[in-house]
Amino acid sequence: MMTDPISDFLCRVRNAALARHDELVMPHSRLKESLAKVLKQEGYLVEVSVEGAAPKKQIRLKLKYTAARKCVIEGLRRLSSPGRRVYSGCSEIPKVRGGLGVIVLSTPQGIVTDREARKRNLGGELLCSIW
């Protein structure tokens, strides 16, 4: 049993980036899938695909690299945890690296980035930051 699927997702992505793997496969959940789609939308991943049938679905992620074979993802940090949830209103959402990074939030309208949350005037749980 996994107690924190978001931390597991972030650790797998971080380890694959440090090992310079082109792609990684992990067990599927709707939360992980929507988090991966946000990362793809922001340009940190090349491709996100869901494979397999219902009980054994998997998510396949293709990481994005520069021409010098350096991963686009420089860092990942979990902001909320199961024991300590961090919530923020629209006006209090922090910026990452002066606006160069992205904070991913869980809002009533789904998983969105900090820019999208400010645009829609939404607050929610701060899941992670990526730069």
N, C-alpha and C. Protein backbone atom coordinates (compact mmCIF):
# COMPACT_ATOMS: atom_id res chain seq x y z
N MET A 1 0.84 -1.17 0.00
CA MET A 1 0.00 0.00 0.00
C MET A 1 0.89 1.25 0.00
N MET A 2 0.54 2.19 -0.83
CA MET A 2 1.30 3.43 -0.94
C MET A 2 0.56 4.54 -0.20
N THR A 3 1.27 5.24 0.70
CA THR A 3 0.60 6.27 1.49
C THR A 3 0.64 7.64 0.82
N ASP A 4 1.63 7.87 -0.04
CA ASP A 4 1.73 9.18 -0.70
C ASP A 4 2.07 8.99 -2.18
N PRO A 5 1.07 8.85 -3.04
CA PRO A 5 1.32 8.61 -4.46
C PRO A 5 1.98 9.79 -5.17
N ILE A 6 1.77 11.01 -4.69
CA ILE A 6 2.38 12.17 -5.35
C ILE A 6 3.88 12.18 -5.10
N SER A 7 4.31 11.88 -3.88
CA SER A 7 5.74 11.79 -3.59
C SER A 7 6.38 10.67 -4.39
N ASP A 8 5.69 9.55 -4.52
CA ASP A 8 6.20 8.44 -5.32
C ASP A 8 6.37 8.88 -6.77
N PHE A 9 5.38 9.59 -7.32
CA PHE A 9 5.46 10.10 -8.68
C PHE A 9 6.66 11.01 -8.86
N LEU A 10 6.83 11.97 -7.93
CA LEU A 10 7.92 12.93 -8.03
C LEU A 10 9.29 12.25 -7.89
N CYS A 11 9.40 11.28 -6.98
CA CYS A 11 10.67 10.56 -6.82
C CYS A 11 11.02 9.76 -8.06
N ARG A 12 10.04 9.13 -8.67
CA ARG A 12 10.31 8.37 -9.90
C ARG A 12 10.77 9.29 -11.03
N VAL A 13 10.13 10.44 -11.17
CA VAL A 13 10.52 11.40 -12.21
C VAL A 13 11.92 11.94 -11.93
N ARG A 14 12.19 12.30 -10.68
CA ARG A 14 13.51 12.82 -10.31
C ARG A 14 14.60 11.79 -10.56
N ASN A 15 14.37 10.53 -10.16
CA ASN A 15 15.37 9.48 -10.36
C ASN A 15 15.61 9.20 -11.84
N ALA A 16 14.55 9.20 -12.64
CA ALA A 16 14.70 8.97 -14.08
C ALA A 16 15.47 10.12 -14.73
N ALA A 17 15.22 11.34 -14.28
CA ALA A 17 15.93 12.49 -14.84
C ALA A 17 17.41 12.45 -14.46
N LEU A 18 17.72 12.10 -13.21
CA LEU A 18 19.11 12.03 -12.79
C LEU A 18 19.86 10.90 -13.49
N ALA A 19 19.16 9.80 -13.79
CA ALA A 19 19.78 8.67 -14.48
C ALA A 19 19.75 8.85 -16.00
N ARG A 20 19.15 9.95 -16.46
CA ARG A 20 19.04 10.30 -17.88
C ARG A 20 18.30 9.23 -18.70
N HIS A 21 17.23 8.70 -18.12
CA HIS A 21 16.38 7.77 -18.86
C HIS A 21 15.49 8.57 -19.80
N ASP A 22 15.18 7.99 -20.94
CA ASP A 22 14.30 8.67 -21.89
C ASP A 22 12.84 8.59 -21.46
N GLU A 23 12.47 7.47 -20.86
CA GLU A 23 11.09 7.31 -20.44
C GLU A 23 11.02 6.50 -19.16
N LEU A 24 9.87 6.59 -18.49
CA LEU A 24 9.64 5.79 -17.30
C LEU A 24 8.20 5.34 -17.27
N VAL A 25 7.98 4.23 -16.59
CA VAL A 25 6.65 3.64 -16.48
C VAL A 25 6.33 3.50 -15.00
N MET A 26 5.09 3.84 -14.63
CA MET A 26 4.67 3.73 -13.24
C MET A 26 3.20 3.31 -13.19
N PRO A 27 2.74 2.81 -12.03
CA PRO A 27 1.33 2.44 -11.90
C PRO A 27 0.42 3.66 -12.10
N HIS A 28 -0.75 3.41 -12.65
CA HIS A 28 -1.68 4.47 -13.01
C HIS A 28 -2.58 4.85 -11.85
N SER A 29 -2.86 6.13 -11.76
CA SER A 29 -3.97 6.65 -10.95
C SER A 29 -4.43 7.93 -11.66
N ARG A 30 -5.66 8.33 -11.41
CA ARG A 30 -6.16 9.54 -12.07
C ARG A 30 -5.38 10.78 -11.63
N LEU A 31 -4.98 10.81 -10.37
CA LEU A 31 -4.20 11.94 -9.86
C LEU A 31 -2.85 12.03 -10.56
N LYS A 32 -2.14 10.90 -10.68
CA LYS A 32 -0.85 10.89 -11.36
C LYS A 32 -1.00 11.26 -12.83
N GLU A 33 -2.07 10.79 -13.45
CA GLU A 33 -2.30 11.10 -14.86
C GLU A 33 -2.53 12.60 -15.06
N SER A 34 -3.34 13.21 -14.21
CA SER A 34 -3.60 14.64 -14.38
C SER A 34 -2.36 15.46 -14.03
N LEU A 35 -1.56 15.02 -13.07
CA LEU A 35 -0.30 15.69 -12.74
C LEU A 35 0.67 15.60 -13.92
N ALA A 36 0.75 14.45 -14.55
CA ALA A 36 1.62 14.27 -15.71
C ALA A 36 1.16 15.12 -16.89
N LYS A 37 -0.15 15.24 -17.08
CA LYS A 37 -0.66 16.07 -18.17
C LYS A 37 -0.34 17.55 -17.95
N VAL A 38 -0.36 17.99 -16.70
CA VAL A 38 0.01 19.38 -16.40
C VAL A 38 1.50 19.58 -16.71
N LEU A 39 2.34 18.61 -16.35
CA LEU A 39 3.77 18.72 -16.64
C LEU A 39 4.03 18.74 -18.15
N LYS A 40 3.27 17.96 -18.89
CA LYS A 40 3.41 17.98 -20.36
C LYS A 40 2.96 19.31 -20.92
N GLN A 41 1.88 19.84 -20.40
CA GLN A 41 1.35 21.12 -20.85
C GLN A 41 2.34 22.25 -20.59
N GLU A 42 3.10 22.16 -19.50
CA GLU A 42 4.09 23.18 -19.15
C GLU A 42 5.43 22.98 -19.85
N GLY A 43 5.60 21.88 -20.58
CA GLY A 43 6.81 21.67 -21.35
C GLY A 43 7.90 20.89 -20.65
N TYR A 44 7.59 20.23 -19.54
CA TYR A 44 8.58 19.43 -18.83
C TYR A 44 8.65 17.99 -19.33
N LEU A 45 7.60 17.52 -19.99
CA LEU A 45 7.55 16.17 -20.54
C LEU A 45 7.23 16.24 -22.03
N VAL A 46 7.71 15.24 -22.77
CA VAL A 46 7.43 15.18 -24.21
C VAL A 46 6.09 14.51 -24.46
N GLU A 47 5.85 13.39 -23.78
CA GLU A 47 4.65 12.61 -24.06
C GLU A 47 4.16 11.92 -22.79
N VAL A 48 2.85 11.81 -22.66
CA VAL A 48 2.21 11.09 -21.56
C VAL A 48 1.21 10.13 -22.19
N SER A 49 1.31 8.84 -21.85
CA SER A 49 0.35 7.88 -22.39
C SER A 49 -0.05 6.89 -21.30
N VAL A 50 -1.28 6.42 -21.38
CA VAL A 50 -1.81 5.43 -20.46
C VAL A 50 -1.93 4.12 -21.21
N GLU A 51 -1.40 3.05 -20.63
CA GLU A 51 -1.38 1.74 -21.30
C GLU A 51 -2.01 0.69 -20.41
N GLY A 52 -2.52 -0.35 -21.04
CA GLY A 52 -3.03 -1.50 -20.30
C GLY A 52 -4.51 -1.44 -20.04
N ALA A 53 -5.00 -2.53 -19.45
CA ALA A 53 -6.41 -2.65 -19.10
C ALA A 53 -6.62 -2.20 -17.66
N ALA A 54 -7.88 -2.12 -17.25
CA ALA A 54 -8.28 -1.49 -15.99
C ALA A 54 -7.51 -1.93 -14.74
N PRO A 55 -7.37 -3.21 -14.42
CA PRO A 55 -6.71 -3.46 -13.13
C PRO A 55 -5.20 -3.20 -13.13
N LYS A 56 -4.56 -3.25 -14.28
CA LYS A 56 -3.10 -3.08 -14.35
C LYS A 56 -2.69 -1.95 -15.27
N LYS A 57 -3.39 -0.83 -15.24
CA LYS A 57 -3.03 0.32 -16.07
C LYS A 57 -1.68 0.87 -15.65
N GLN A 58 -0.96 1.43 -16.62
CA GLN A 58 0.33 2.07 -16.34
C GLN A 58 0.41 3.39 -17.10
N ILE A 59 1.21 4.30 -16.56
CA ILE A 59 1.46 5.58 -17.22
C ILE A 59 2.88 5.55 -17.74
N ARG A 60 3.05 5.90 -19.01
CA ARG A 60 4.38 5.98 -19.62
C ARG A 60 4.68 7.46 -19.88
N LEU A 61 5.78 7.94 -19.31
CA LEU A 61 6.20 9.34 -19.47
C LEU A 61 7.50 9.39 -20.25
N LYS A 62 7.58 10.30 -21.22
CA LYS A 62 8.84 10.53 -21.93
C LYS A 62 9.38 11.88 -21.47
N LEU A 63 10.59 11.85 -20.91
CA LEU A 63 11.21 13.05 -20.38
C LEU A 63 11.78 13.92 -21.49
N LYS A 64 11.85 15.20 -21.23
CA LYS A 64 12.36 16.15 -22.21
C LYS A 64 13.78 16.55 -21.84
N TYR A 65 14.67 16.55 -22.83
CA TYR A 65 16.07 16.91 -22.63
C TYR A 65 16.47 18.02 -23.59
N THR A 66 17.53 18.76 -23.21
CA THR A 66 18.08 19.79 -24.09
C THR A 66 19.02 19.12 -25.09
N ALA A 67 19.60 19.91 -26.00
CA ALA A 67 20.53 19.37 -26.99
C ALA A 67 21.78 18.82 -26.32
N ALA A 68 22.16 19.38 -25.17
CA ALA A 68 23.35 18.92 -24.44
C ALA A 68 23.02 17.74 -23.52
N ARG A 69 21.86 17.13 -23.68
CA ARG A 69 21.39 15.98 -22.91
C ARG A 69 21.21 16.28 -21.42
N LYS A 70 20.80 17.52 -21.14
CA LYS A 70 20.48 17.92 -19.77
C LYS A 70 18.96 17.93 -19.64
N CYS A 71 18.46 17.35 -18.57
CA CYS A 71 17.01 17.27 -18.38
C CYS A 71 16.43 18.66 -18.16
N VAL A 72 15.26 18.89 -18.71
CA VAL A 72 14.58 20.18 -18.57
C VAL A 72 14.15 20.38 -17.11
N ILE A 73 13.81 19.29 -16.41
CA ILE A 73 13.42 19.37 -15.01
C ILE A 73 14.68 19.46 -14.16
N GLU A 74 14.88 20.61 -13.53
CA GLU A 74 16.05 20.79 -12.67
C GLU A 74 15.77 20.37 -11.24
N GLY A 75 14.53 20.56 -10.79
CA GLY A 75 14.21 20.21 -9.42
C GLY A 75 12.72 20.02 -9.21
N LEU A 76 12.40 19.19 -8.22
CA LEU A 76 11.02 18.90 -7.84
C LEU A 76 10.94 18.95 -6.31
N ARG A 77 9.86 19.51 -5.78
CA ARG A 77 9.71 19.54 -4.34
C ARG A 77 8.25 19.34 -3.96
N ARG A 78 7.99 18.46 -3.04
CA ARG A 78 6.64 18.21 -2.54
C ARG A 78 6.33 19.29 -1.51
N LEU A 79 5.21 19.98 -1.66
CA LEU A 79 4.85 21.05 -0.74
C LEU A 79 3.90 20.56 0.34
N SER A 80 2.84 19.86 -0.03
CA SER A 80 1.92 19.26 0.94
C SER A 80 2.32 17.81 1.15
N SER A 81 1.96 17.29 2.29
CA SER A 81 2.17 15.87 2.54
C SER A 81 0.91 15.35 3.23
N PRO A 82 0.74 14.04 3.32
CA PRO A 82 -0.47 13.53 3.97
C PRO A 82 -0.61 13.99 5.43
N GLY A 83 0.50 14.22 6.12
CA GLY A 83 0.44 14.65 7.50
C GLY A 83 0.38 16.16 7.68
N ARG A 84 0.72 16.89 6.63
CA ARG A 84 0.74 18.36 6.73
C ARG A 84 0.28 18.95 5.40
N ARG A 85 -0.98 19.20 5.30
CA ARG A 85 -1.55 19.79 4.09
C ARG A 85 -1.28 21.28 4.08
N VAL A 86 -0.95 21.80 2.91
CA VAL A 86 -0.69 23.23 2.76
C VAL A 86 -1.70 23.78 1.76
N TYR A 87 -2.54 24.70 2.23
CA TYR A 87 -3.56 25.32 1.39
C TYR A 87 -3.21 26.78 1.18
N SER A 88 -3.67 27.32 0.05
CA SER A 88 -3.39 28.71 -0.25
C SER A 88 -4.55 29.30 -1.04
N GLY A 89 -4.87 30.53 -0.71
CA GLY A 89 -5.86 31.25 -1.49
C GLY A 89 -5.23 31.78 -2.77
N CYS A 90 -6.02 32.33 -3.63
CA CYS A 90 -5.54 32.82 -4.92
C CYS A 90 -4.45 33.88 -4.76
N SER A 91 -4.63 34.79 -3.83
CA SER A 91 -3.68 35.90 -3.69
C SER A 91 -2.41 35.51 -2.95
N GLU A 92 -2.40 34.37 -2.24
CA GLU A 92 -1.22 33.97 -1.47
C GLU A 92 -0.39 32.88 -2.13
N ILE A 93 -0.70 32.49 -3.37
CA ILE A 93 0.07 31.44 -4.03
C ILE A 93 1.48 31.95 -4.28
N PRO A 94 2.51 31.25 -3.74
CA PRO A 94 3.88 31.73 -3.92
C PRO A 94 4.39 31.52 -5.34
N LYS A 95 5.46 32.22 -5.69
CA LYS A 95 6.10 32.05 -6.99
C LYS A 95 7.35 31.20 -6.80
N VAL A 96 7.69 30.42 -7.80
CA VAL A 96 8.87 29.56 -7.76
C VAL A 96 9.96 30.17 -8.63
N ARG A 97 11.11 30.38 -8.05
CA ARG A 97 12.27 30.93 -8.77
C ARG A 97 11.92 32.20 -9.53
N GLY A 98 11.19 33.08 -8.89
CA GLY A 98 10.82 34.36 -9.50
C GLY A 98 9.91 34.22 -10.70
N GLY A 99 9.11 33.16 -10.74
CA GLY A 99 8.19 32.94 -11.85
C GLY A 99 8.72 32.00 -12.90
N LEU A 100 9.95 31.49 -12.76
CA LEU A 100 10.52 30.57 -13.75
C LEU A 100 10.06 29.14 -13.54
N GLY A 101 9.61 28.81 -12.34
CA GLY A 101 9.11 27.48 -12.04
C GLY A 101 7.60 27.46 -12.00
N VAL A 102 7.06 26.30 -11.64
CA VAL A 102 5.61 26.11 -11.62
C VAL A 102 5.22 25.45 -10.31
N ILE A 103 4.14 25.92 -9.72
CA ILE A 103 3.52 25.23 -8.58
C ILE A 103 2.25 24.57 -9.09
N VAL A 104 2.07 23.31 -8.73
CA VAL A 104 0.88 22.56 -9.14
C VAL A 104 -0.06 22.52 -7.95
N LEU A 105 -1.31 22.90 -8.19
CA LEU A 105 -2.33 22.96 -7.15
C LEU A 105 -3.47 21.99 -7.45
N SER A 106 -4.08 21.50 -6.38
CA SER A 106 -5.31 20.73 -6.49
C SER A 106 -6.45 21.67 -6.10
N THR A 107 -7.30 22.00 -7.05
CA THR A 107 -8.38 22.95 -6.82
C THR A 107 -9.73 22.25 -7.02
N PRO A 108 -10.82 22.91 -6.68
CA PRO A 108 -12.13 22.31 -6.96
C PRO A 108 -12.39 22.07 -8.45
N GLN A 109 -11.65 22.75 -9.33
CA GLN A 109 -11.80 22.55 -10.77
C GLN A 109 -10.73 21.65 -11.34
N GLY A 110 -10.01 20.91 -10.50
CA GLY A 110 -9.02 19.95 -10.97
C GLY A 110 -7.59 20.40 -10.66
N ILE A 111 -6.63 19.68 -11.21
CA ILE A 111 -5.21 19.96 -11.02
C ILE A 111 -4.80 21.05 -12.02
N VAL A 112 -4.28 22.17 -11.50
CA VAL A 112 -3.89 23.29 -12.36
C VAL A 112 -2.55 23.86 -11.89
N THR A 113 -1.94 24.69 -12.73
CA THR A 113 -0.71 25.37 -12.36
C THR A 113 -1.04 26.65 -11.60
N ASP A 114 0.00 27.26 -11.02
CA ASP A 114 -0.22 28.49 -10.26
C ASP A 114 -0.70 29.62 -11.15
N ARG A 115 -0.20 29.71 -12.36
CA ARG A 115 -0.64 30.77 -13.29
C ARG A 115 -2.12 30.61 -13.64
N GLU A 116 -2.50 29.38 -13.91
CA GLU A 116 -3.89 29.10 -14.27
C GLU A 116 -4.81 29.37 -13.07
N ALA A 117 -4.37 29.05 -11.87
CA ALA A 117 -5.17 29.29 -10.67
C ALA A 117 -5.36 30.79 -10.44
N ARG A 118 -4.29 31.57 -10.65
CA ARG A 118 -4.42 33.02 -10.49
C ARG A 118 -5.37 33.59 -11.54
N LYS A 119 -5.28 33.08 -12.77
CA LYS A 119 -6.14 33.57 -13.85
C LYS A 119 -7.61 33.25 -13.57
N ARG A 120 -7.89 32.05 -13.04
CA ARG A 120 -9.26 31.64 -12.75
C ARG A 120 -9.73 32.08 -11.36
N ASN A 121 -8.86 32.73 -10.59
CA ASN A 121 -9.17 33.18 -9.23
C ASN A 121 -9.52 32.00 -8.33
N LEU A 122 -8.62 30.97 -8.34
CA LEU A 122 -8.82 29.75 -7.56
C LEU A 122 -7.75 29.60 -6.50
N GLY A 123 -8.09 28.98 -5.41
CA GLY A 123 -7.13 28.57 -4.40
C GLY A 123 -7.23 27.07 -4.23
N GLY A 124 -6.34 26.51 -3.44
CA GLY A 124 -6.40 25.07 -3.23
C GLY A 124 -5.18 24.56 -2.51
N GLU A 125 -4.99 23.24 -2.58
CA GLU A 125 -3.85 22.60 -1.93
C GLU A 125 -2.62 22.67 -2.83
N LEU A 126 -1.51 23.14 -2.27
CA LEU A 126 -0.25 23.22 -3.03
C LEU A 126 0.37 21.82 -3.03
N LEU A 127 0.39 21.18 -4.20
CA LEU A 127 0.90 19.81 -4.28
C LEU A 127 2.42 19.77 -4.38
N CYS A 128 2.99 20.46 -5.38
CA CYS A 128 4.43 20.39 -5.60
C CYS A 128 4.90 21.59 -6.39
N SER A 129 6.22 21.81 -6.37
CA SER A 129 6.82 22.86 -7.19
C SER A 129 7.85 22.21 -8.11
N ILE A 130 7.94 22.72 -9.32
CA ILE A 130 8.84 22.19 -10.34
C ILE A 130 9.58 23.34 -10.98
N TRP A 131 10.87 23.19 -11.16
CA TRP A 131 11.65 24.21 -11.83
C TRP A 131 12.71 23.57 -12.69
